[in-house]
C-alpha cells in the first residue's frame, strides 16, 4: 500500500479546516497558501470531499470550504478510502478485484488478509481531531 499525493493532500486539507473551524468558510486560496499546495490541484480534491459530504462549499464573497461535522467524527480511514483506489496491501484484496484462481491454495493469503485488517482497523481508529494542533491561545 502506498498512499498517493492526493490522499496525503486530502488529509492536509481536512486537518487545516479542522484547525481553523472557528473561521467559518475558508477560501481555497488561503488553504493553498498555508499548505503550499497548488490551488488547481486542491480544487479536484475539495470537489471529491464535497461530493462525499465531508466538506461543504460556498461560492462568492465570504465563500470557501468548511467541515460538515466535528473533526472527531472523521477518521483517517474514511478520508483515504475516498482518495485512494485501494488501501489493500496486495491487489487480490483490492475492492472489485477479480477472484484469484490460486486463492484456495495460496499459503500467503491469510497473511495478507490479516495485514489488510490491521491497516483498516488502525486507519479507522484514528480520528481527524487527533492530528490537529491545539488552538493557539496566544500564551
N, C-alpha and C. Protein backbone atom coordinates (compact mmCIF):
# COMPACT_ATOMS: atom_id res chain seq x y z
N UNK A 1 0.85 -1.18 0.00
CA UNK A 1 0.00 0.00 0.00
C UNK A 1 0.89 1.23 0.00
N UNK A 2 0.60 2.13 -0.91
CA UNK A 2 1.30 3.39 -0.99
C UNK A 2 0.24 4.47 -1.10
N UNK A 3 0.24 5.40 -0.15
CA UNK A 3 -0.75 6.48 -0.16
C UNK A 3 -0.30 7.53 -1.18
N UNK A 4 -1.20 7.89 -2.06
CA UNK A 4 -0.88 8.85 -3.12
C UNK A 4 -0.79 10.27 -2.57
N UNK A 5 -0.27 11.15 -3.42
CA UNK A 5 -0.22 12.58 -3.08
C UNK A 5 -1.64 13.09 -2.82
N UNK A 6 -2.58 12.64 -3.62
CA UNK A 6 -3.97 13.09 -3.46
C UNK A 6 -4.49 12.73 -2.07
N UNK A 7 -4.19 11.53 -1.59
CA UNK A 7 -4.62 11.11 -0.27
C UNK A 7 -3.96 11.93 0.83
N UNK A 8 -2.65 12.14 0.70
CA UNK A 8 -1.92 12.93 1.70
C UNK A 8 -2.41 14.37 1.72
N UNK A 9 -2.65 14.94 0.54
CA UNK A 9 -3.13 16.32 0.47
C UNK A 9 -4.56 16.44 1.00
N UNK A 10 -5.39 15.45 0.75
CA UNK A 10 -6.76 15.47 1.28
C UNK A 10 -6.73 15.51 2.81
N UNK A 11 -5.83 14.72 3.39
CA UNK A 11 -5.69 14.75 4.85
C UNK A 11 -5.22 16.13 5.31
N UNK A 12 -4.28 16.72 4.60
CA UNK A 12 -3.79 18.05 4.98
C UNK A 12 -4.89 19.10 4.91
N UNK A 13 -5.73 19.03 3.88
CA UNK A 13 -6.86 19.96 3.75
C UNK A 13 -7.81 19.79 4.93
N UNK A 14 -8.13 18.54 5.23
CA UNK A 14 -9.07 18.27 6.33
C UNK A 14 -8.49 18.73 7.67
N UNK A 15 -7.21 18.51 7.90
CA UNK A 15 -6.58 18.96 9.14
C UNK A 15 -6.58 20.48 9.20
N UNK A 16 -6.25 21.13 8.09
CA UNK A 16 -6.24 22.59 8.04
C UNK A 16 -7.62 23.15 8.41
N UNK A 17 -8.65 22.58 7.80
CA UNK A 17 -10.00 23.07 8.08
C UNK A 17 -10.42 22.77 9.51
N UNK A 18 -9.98 21.64 10.04
CA UNK A 18 -10.29 21.31 11.44
C UNK A 18 -9.62 22.30 12.39
N UNK A 19 -8.38 22.68 12.07
CA UNK A 19 -7.66 23.62 12.94
C UNK A 19 -8.20 25.04 12.85
N UNK A 20 -8.92 25.34 11.78
CA UNK A 20 -9.46 26.70 11.58
C UNK A 20 -10.99 26.69 11.52
N UNK A 21 -11.60 25.76 12.22
CA UNK A 21 -13.07 25.62 12.20
C UNK A 21 -13.79 26.89 12.58
N UNK A 22 -13.24 27.58 13.56
CA UNK A 22 -13.90 28.78 14.09
C UNK A 22 -13.93 29.92 13.07
N UNK A 23 -13.15 29.81 11.99
CA UNK A 23 -13.08 30.87 10.99
C UNK A 23 -14.19 30.78 9.95
N UNK A 24 -15.06 29.78 10.05
CA UNK A 24 -16.14 29.62 9.07
C UNK A 24 -15.61 29.06 7.76
N UNK A 25 -16.17 29.55 6.66
CA UNK A 25 -15.73 29.08 5.34
C UNK A 25 -14.34 29.64 5.04
N UNK A 26 -13.44 28.77 4.63
CA UNK A 26 -12.06 29.15 4.34
C UNK A 26 -11.85 29.11 2.82
N UNK A 27 -11.43 30.23 2.23
CA UNK A 27 -11.17 30.23 0.78
C UNK A 27 -10.07 29.23 0.40
N UNK A 28 -10.22 28.62 -0.75
CA UNK A 28 -9.25 27.64 -1.23
C UNK A 28 -7.86 28.28 -1.36
N UNK A 29 -7.82 29.53 -1.73
CA UNK A 29 -6.54 30.24 -1.86
C UNK A 29 -5.80 30.27 -0.53
N UNK A 30 -6.52 30.46 0.56
CA UNK A 30 -5.91 30.50 1.90
C UNK A 30 -5.36 29.12 2.27
N UNK A 31 -6.15 28.09 2.02
CA UNK A 31 -5.70 26.72 2.31
C UNK A 31 -4.46 26.41 1.46
N UNK A 32 -4.51 26.78 0.20
CA UNK A 32 -3.40 26.54 -0.72
C UNK A 32 -2.12 27.20 -0.21
N UNK A 33 -2.22 28.43 0.24
CA UNK A 33 -1.05 29.15 0.75
C UNK A 33 -0.53 28.53 2.04
N UNK A 34 -1.43 28.20 2.95
CA UNK A 34 -0.99 27.61 4.23
C UNK A 34 -0.34 26.25 4.04
N UNK A 35 -0.85 25.48 3.09
CA UNK A 35 -0.37 24.12 2.89
C UNK A 35 0.68 24.00 1.79
N UNK A 36 0.95 25.08 1.11
CA UNK A 36 1.91 25.08 0.00
C UNK A 36 1.57 23.99 -1.03
N UNK A 37 0.30 23.98 -1.41
CA UNK A 37 -0.20 23.04 -2.42
C UNK A 37 -0.89 23.87 -3.50
N UNK A 38 -0.70 23.49 -4.74
CA UNK A 38 -1.32 24.19 -5.86
C UNK A 38 -2.84 24.30 -5.67
N UNK A 39 -3.34 25.51 -5.88
CA UNK A 39 -4.78 25.74 -5.75
C UNK A 39 -5.55 24.89 -6.77
N UNK A 40 -5.00 24.76 -7.97
CA UNK A 40 -5.64 23.95 -9.02
C UNK A 40 -5.77 22.49 -8.58
N UNK A 41 -4.71 21.96 -7.97
CA UNK A 41 -4.75 20.57 -7.50
C UNK A 41 -5.75 20.42 -6.36
N UNK A 42 -5.79 21.42 -5.49
CA UNK A 42 -6.73 21.36 -4.38
C UNK A 42 -8.19 21.41 -4.83
N UNK A 43 -8.44 22.05 -5.97
CA UNK A 43 -9.81 22.11 -6.49
C UNK A 43 -10.36 20.70 -6.71
N UNK A 44 -9.56 19.84 -7.31
CA UNK A 44 -10.04 18.47 -7.59
C UNK A 44 -10.24 17.69 -6.29
N UNK A 45 -9.40 17.93 -5.31
CA UNK A 45 -9.52 17.23 -4.03
C UNK A 45 -10.75 17.72 -3.27
N UNK A 46 -10.96 19.03 -3.23
CA UNK A 46 -12.12 19.54 -2.49
C UNK A 46 -13.43 19.14 -3.16
N UNK A 47 -13.44 19.06 -4.49
CA UNK A 47 -14.65 18.58 -5.19
C UNK A 47 -15.02 17.18 -4.72
N UNK A 48 -14.02 16.34 -4.63
CA UNK A 48 -14.23 14.97 -4.16
C UNK A 48 -14.76 14.95 -2.72
N UNK A 49 -14.18 15.76 -1.86
CA UNK A 49 -14.58 15.81 -0.46
C UNK A 49 -15.98 16.41 -0.29
N UNK A 50 -16.33 17.38 -1.13
CA UNK A 50 -17.68 17.96 -1.09
C UNK A 50 -18.70 16.94 -1.58
N UNK A 51 -18.37 16.26 -2.68
CA UNK A 51 -19.28 15.24 -3.23
C UNK A 51 -19.58 14.16 -2.20
N UNK A 52 -18.59 13.83 -1.37
CA UNK A 52 -18.77 12.81 -0.33
C UNK A 52 -19.36 13.39 0.95
N UNK A 53 -19.65 14.70 0.93
CA UNK A 53 -20.26 15.39 2.06
C UNK A 53 -19.36 15.47 3.30
N UNK A 54 -18.06 15.41 3.09
CA UNK A 54 -17.11 15.63 4.18
C UNK A 54 -16.88 17.12 4.38
N UNK A 55 -17.05 17.88 3.29
CA UNK A 55 -16.92 19.33 3.32
C UNK A 55 -18.17 19.94 2.72
N UNK A 56 -18.42 21.19 3.11
CA UNK A 56 -19.43 21.96 2.39
C UNK A 56 -18.71 23.16 1.79
N UNK A 57 -19.17 23.56 0.62
CA UNK A 57 -18.55 24.67 -0.10
C UNK A 57 -19.55 25.77 -0.32
N UNK A 58 -19.04 27.00 -0.34
CA UNK A 58 -19.87 28.17 -0.57
C UNK A 58 -19.15 29.05 -1.56
N UNK A 59 -19.85 29.44 -2.64
CA UNK A 59 -19.24 30.28 -3.67
C UNK A 59 -19.43 31.75 -3.32
N UNK A 60 -18.61 32.58 -3.94
CA UNK A 60 -18.78 34.02 -3.82
C UNK A 60 -18.05 34.62 -2.63
N UNK A 61 -18.34 35.89 -2.39
CA UNK A 61 -17.71 36.63 -1.29
C UNK A 61 -18.03 35.94 0.03
N UNK A 62 -17.01 35.73 0.82
CA UNK A 62 -17.19 35.03 2.09
C UNK A 62 -17.28 33.52 1.93
N UNK A 63 -17.04 33.05 0.71
CA UNK A 63 -17.14 31.62 0.44
C UNK A 63 -15.85 30.88 0.73
N UNK A 64 -15.92 29.60 0.50
CA UNK A 64 -14.79 28.72 0.74
C UNK A 64 -15.29 27.36 1.14
N UNK A 65 -14.54 26.71 2.03
CA UNK A 65 -14.87 25.35 2.46
C UNK A 65 -14.81 25.24 3.97
N UNK A 66 -15.62 24.33 4.49
CA UNK A 66 -15.57 24.00 5.91
C UNK A 66 -16.03 22.57 6.11
N UNK A 67 -15.66 22.02 7.26
CA UNK A 67 -16.07 20.66 7.60
C UNK A 67 -17.58 20.61 7.81
N UNK A 68 -18.18 19.50 7.50
CA UNK A 68 -19.62 19.34 7.73
C UNK A 68 -19.93 18.78 9.12
N UNK A 69 -18.89 18.23 9.78
CA UNK A 69 -19.06 17.63 11.11
C UNK A 69 -17.87 18.01 11.98
N UNK A 70 -17.97 17.77 13.28
CA UNK A 70 -16.81 17.99 14.15
C UNK A 70 -15.65 17.07 13.74
N UNK A 71 -14.40 17.52 13.92
CA UNK A 71 -13.23 16.74 13.50
C UNK A 71 -13.17 15.33 14.10
N UNK A 72 -13.67 15.15 15.29
CA UNK A 72 -13.63 13.82 15.92
C UNK A 72 -14.56 12.81 15.25
N UNK A 73 -15.44 13.29 14.36
CA UNK A 73 -16.36 12.39 13.68
C UNK A 73 -15.84 11.90 12.32
N UNK A 74 -14.63 12.30 11.95
CA UNK A 74 -13.98 11.83 10.73
C UNK A 74 -12.85 10.88 11.12
N UNK A 75 -12.63 9.86 10.31
CA UNK A 75 -11.46 9.01 10.54
C UNK A 75 -10.52 9.12 9.34
N UNK A 76 -9.27 8.88 9.59
CA UNK A 76 -8.28 8.87 8.52
C UNK A 76 -8.67 7.82 7.48
N UNK A 77 -9.15 6.67 7.94
CA UNK A 77 -9.56 5.61 7.02
C UNK A 77 -10.63 6.07 6.05
N UNK A 78 -11.64 6.77 6.55
CA UNK A 78 -12.73 7.23 5.69
C UNK A 78 -12.23 8.24 4.66
N UNK A 79 -11.34 9.12 5.06
CA UNK A 79 -10.80 10.12 4.14
C UNK A 79 -9.95 9.45 3.06
N UNK A 80 -9.08 8.54 3.47
CA UNK A 80 -8.20 7.89 2.50
C UNK A 80 -8.96 6.97 1.55
N UNK A 81 -10.03 6.35 2.01
CA UNK A 81 -10.81 5.49 1.10
C UNK A 81 -11.42 6.30 -0.03
N UNK A 82 -11.69 7.58 0.19
CA UNK A 82 -12.24 8.42 -0.86
C UNK A 82 -11.20 8.74 -1.93
N UNK A 83 -9.98 8.87 -1.52
CA UNK A 83 -8.95 9.37 -2.43
C UNK A 83 -8.09 8.27 -3.04
N UNK A 84 -8.06 7.12 -2.42
CA UNK A 84 -7.20 6.04 -2.88
C UNK A 84 -8.02 4.99 -3.62
N UNK A 85 -7.43 4.43 -4.63
CA UNK A 85 -8.10 3.34 -5.33
C UNK A 85 -8.29 2.16 -4.39
N UNK A 86 -7.28 1.92 -3.57
CA UNK A 86 -7.34 0.81 -2.63
C UNK A 86 -6.35 1.03 -1.50
N UNK A 87 -6.68 0.53 -0.33
CA UNK A 87 -5.75 0.52 0.80
C UNK A 87 -5.22 -0.89 1.04
N UNK A 88 -5.59 -1.81 0.16
CA UNK A 88 -5.20 -3.21 0.31
C UNK A 88 -3.69 -3.37 0.11
N UNK A 89 -3.07 -4.26 0.88
CA UNK A 89 -1.63 -4.48 0.73
C UNK A 89 -1.25 -5.28 -0.51
N UNK A 90 -2.20 -6.03 -1.08
CA UNK A 90 -1.96 -6.79 -2.31
C UNK A 90 -3.18 -6.63 -3.22
N UNK A 91 -2.95 -6.73 -4.52
CA UNK A 91 -4.01 -6.44 -5.49
C UNK A 91 -5.21 -7.38 -5.39
N UNK A 92 -4.99 -8.63 -4.97
CA UNK A 92 -6.12 -9.57 -4.93
C UNK A 92 -7.14 -9.20 -3.84
N UNK A 93 -6.76 -8.33 -2.90
CA UNK A 93 -7.68 -7.91 -1.84
C UNK A 93 -8.31 -6.55 -2.11
N UNK A 94 -7.93 -5.94 -3.22
CA UNK A 94 -8.48 -4.62 -3.56
C UNK A 94 -9.98 -4.74 -3.87
N UNK A 95 -10.74 -3.71 -3.54
CA UNK A 95 -12.17 -3.73 -3.86
C UNK A 95 -12.39 -3.94 -5.36
N UNK A 96 -13.27 -4.85 -5.71
CA UNK A 96 -13.59 -5.12 -7.10
C UNK A 96 -12.59 -5.99 -7.83
N UNK A 97 -11.60 -6.50 -7.13
CA UNK A 97 -10.59 -7.36 -7.78
C UNK A 97 -11.23 -8.67 -8.24
N UNK A 98 -10.78 -9.16 -9.36
CA UNK A 98 -11.24 -10.46 -9.84
C UNK A 98 -10.77 -11.52 -8.85
N UNK A 99 -11.61 -12.54 -8.63
CA UNK A 99 -11.18 -13.62 -7.72
C UNK A 99 -9.90 -14.27 -8.22
N UNK A 100 -9.00 -14.50 -7.31
CA UNK A 100 -7.73 -15.13 -7.67
C UNK A 100 -7.94 -16.63 -7.85
N UNK A 101 -7.49 -17.19 -8.97
CA UNK A 101 -7.67 -18.62 -9.19
C UNK A 101 -6.83 -19.46 -8.20
N UNK A 102 -5.85 -18.85 -7.57
CA UNK A 102 -4.99 -19.58 -6.63
C UNK A 102 -5.42 -19.39 -5.17
N UNK A 103 -6.47 -18.64 -4.93
CA UNK A 103 -6.86 -18.31 -3.56
C UNK A 103 -7.00 -19.54 -2.66
N UNK A 104 -7.58 -20.61 -3.16
CA UNK A 104 -7.79 -21.81 -2.35
C UNK A 104 -6.48 -22.45 -1.92
N UNK A 105 -5.43 -22.28 -2.71
CA UNK A 105 -4.14 -22.90 -2.42
C UNK A 105 -3.08 -21.89 -1.97
N UNK A 106 -3.45 -20.64 -1.85
CA UNK A 106 -2.47 -19.60 -1.55
C UNK A 106 -2.05 -19.66 -0.08
N UNK A 107 -0.80 -19.92 0.14
CA UNK A 107 -0.27 -20.01 1.51
C UNK A 107 -0.15 -18.63 2.18
N UNK A 108 -0.05 -17.58 1.36
CA UNK A 108 0.15 -16.24 1.93
C UNK A 108 -1.14 -15.44 2.08
N UNK A 109 -2.24 -15.92 1.51
CA UNK A 109 -3.49 -15.16 1.57
C UNK A 109 -3.89 -14.80 3.00
N UNK A 110 -3.84 -15.72 3.97
CA UNK A 110 -4.19 -15.34 5.34
C UNK A 110 -3.30 -14.22 5.90
N UNK A 111 -2.03 -14.23 5.54
CA UNK A 111 -1.12 -13.17 5.96
C UNK A 111 -1.59 -11.83 5.44
N UNK A 112 -1.90 -11.75 4.13
CA UNK A 112 -2.33 -10.50 3.51
C UNK A 112 -3.68 -10.05 4.04
N UNK A 113 -4.57 -11.01 4.29
CA UNK A 113 -5.88 -10.64 4.86
C UNK A 113 -5.71 -10.06 6.26
N UNK A 114 -4.82 -10.65 7.04
CA UNK A 114 -4.55 -10.13 8.37
C UNK A 114 -3.96 -8.73 8.34
N UNK A 115 -3.00 -8.52 7.43
CA UNK A 115 -2.40 -7.19 7.29
C UNK A 115 -3.44 -6.18 6.82
N UNK A 116 -4.29 -6.58 5.89
CA UNK A 116 -5.36 -5.69 5.40
C UNK A 116 -6.26 -5.27 6.55
N UNK A 117 -6.60 -6.20 7.43
CA UNK A 117 -7.46 -5.90 8.58
C UNK A 117 -6.75 -4.96 9.56
N UNK A 118 -5.47 -5.21 9.81
CA UNK A 118 -4.71 -4.34 10.72
C UNK A 118 -4.66 -2.91 10.18
N UNK A 119 -4.41 -2.77 8.89
CA UNK A 119 -4.35 -1.45 8.27
C UNK A 119 -5.71 -0.75 8.40
N UNK A 120 -6.77 -1.44 8.00
CA UNK A 120 -8.11 -0.85 8.06
C UNK A 120 -8.50 -0.49 9.49
N UNK A 121 -8.27 -1.40 10.42
CA UNK A 121 -8.63 -1.13 11.82
C UNK A 121 -7.86 0.06 12.37
N UNK A 122 -6.56 0.14 12.04
CA UNK A 122 -5.76 1.25 12.54
C UNK A 122 -6.24 2.58 11.96
N UNK A 123 -6.36 2.66 10.62
CA UNK A 123 -6.76 3.91 10.00
C UNK A 123 -8.16 4.34 10.43
N UNK A 124 -9.03 3.37 10.67
CA UNK A 124 -10.39 3.69 11.14
C UNK A 124 -10.42 4.09 12.61
N UNK A 125 -9.35 3.83 13.32
CA UNK A 125 -9.31 4.19 14.75
C UNK A 125 -8.69 5.57 14.99
N UNK A 126 -8.16 6.18 13.94
CA UNK A 126 -7.50 7.48 14.10
C UNK A 126 -8.47 8.60 13.68
N UNK A 127 -8.97 9.36 14.66
CA UNK A 127 -9.87 10.47 14.30
C UNK A 127 -9.06 11.66 13.77
N UNK A 128 -9.66 12.41 12.89
CA UNK A 128 -9.02 13.61 12.34
C UNK A 128 -8.57 14.54 13.47
N UNK A 129 -9.36 14.62 14.51
CA UNK A 129 -9.05 15.53 15.63
C UNK A 129 -7.72 15.19 16.29
N UNK A 130 -7.29 13.94 16.21
CA UNK A 130 -6.01 13.56 16.85
C UNK A 130 -4.81 14.07 16.06
N UNK A 131 -5.02 14.54 14.85
CA UNK A 131 -3.94 15.04 14.01
C UNK A 131 -3.80 16.56 14.04
N UNK A 132 -4.72 17.23 14.70
CA UNK A 132 -4.70 18.68 14.74
C UNK A 132 -3.85 19.19 15.90
N UNK A 133 -3.34 20.38 15.71
CA UNK A 133 -2.61 21.05 16.79
C UNK A 133 -3.61 21.79 17.65
N UNK A 134 -3.34 21.90 18.94
CA UNK A 134 -4.24 22.69 19.79
C UNK A 134 -4.28 24.14 19.31
N UNK A 135 -5.41 24.79 19.52
CA UNK A 135 -5.55 26.18 19.11
C UNK A 135 -4.52 27.04 19.84
N UNK A 136 -3.98 28.01 19.12
CA UNK A 136 -3.00 28.93 19.71
C UNK A 136 -3.76 29.91 20.59
N UNK A 137 -3.45 29.90 21.87
CA UNK A 137 -4.17 30.78 22.81
C UNK A 137 -3.42 32.09 23.01
N UNK A 138 -2.30 32.26 22.31
CA UNK A 138 -1.55 33.49 22.43
C UNK A 138 -0.66 33.57 23.65
N UNK A 139 -0.53 32.48 24.38
CA UNK A 139 0.29 32.48 25.59
C UNK A 139 1.69 32.03 25.29
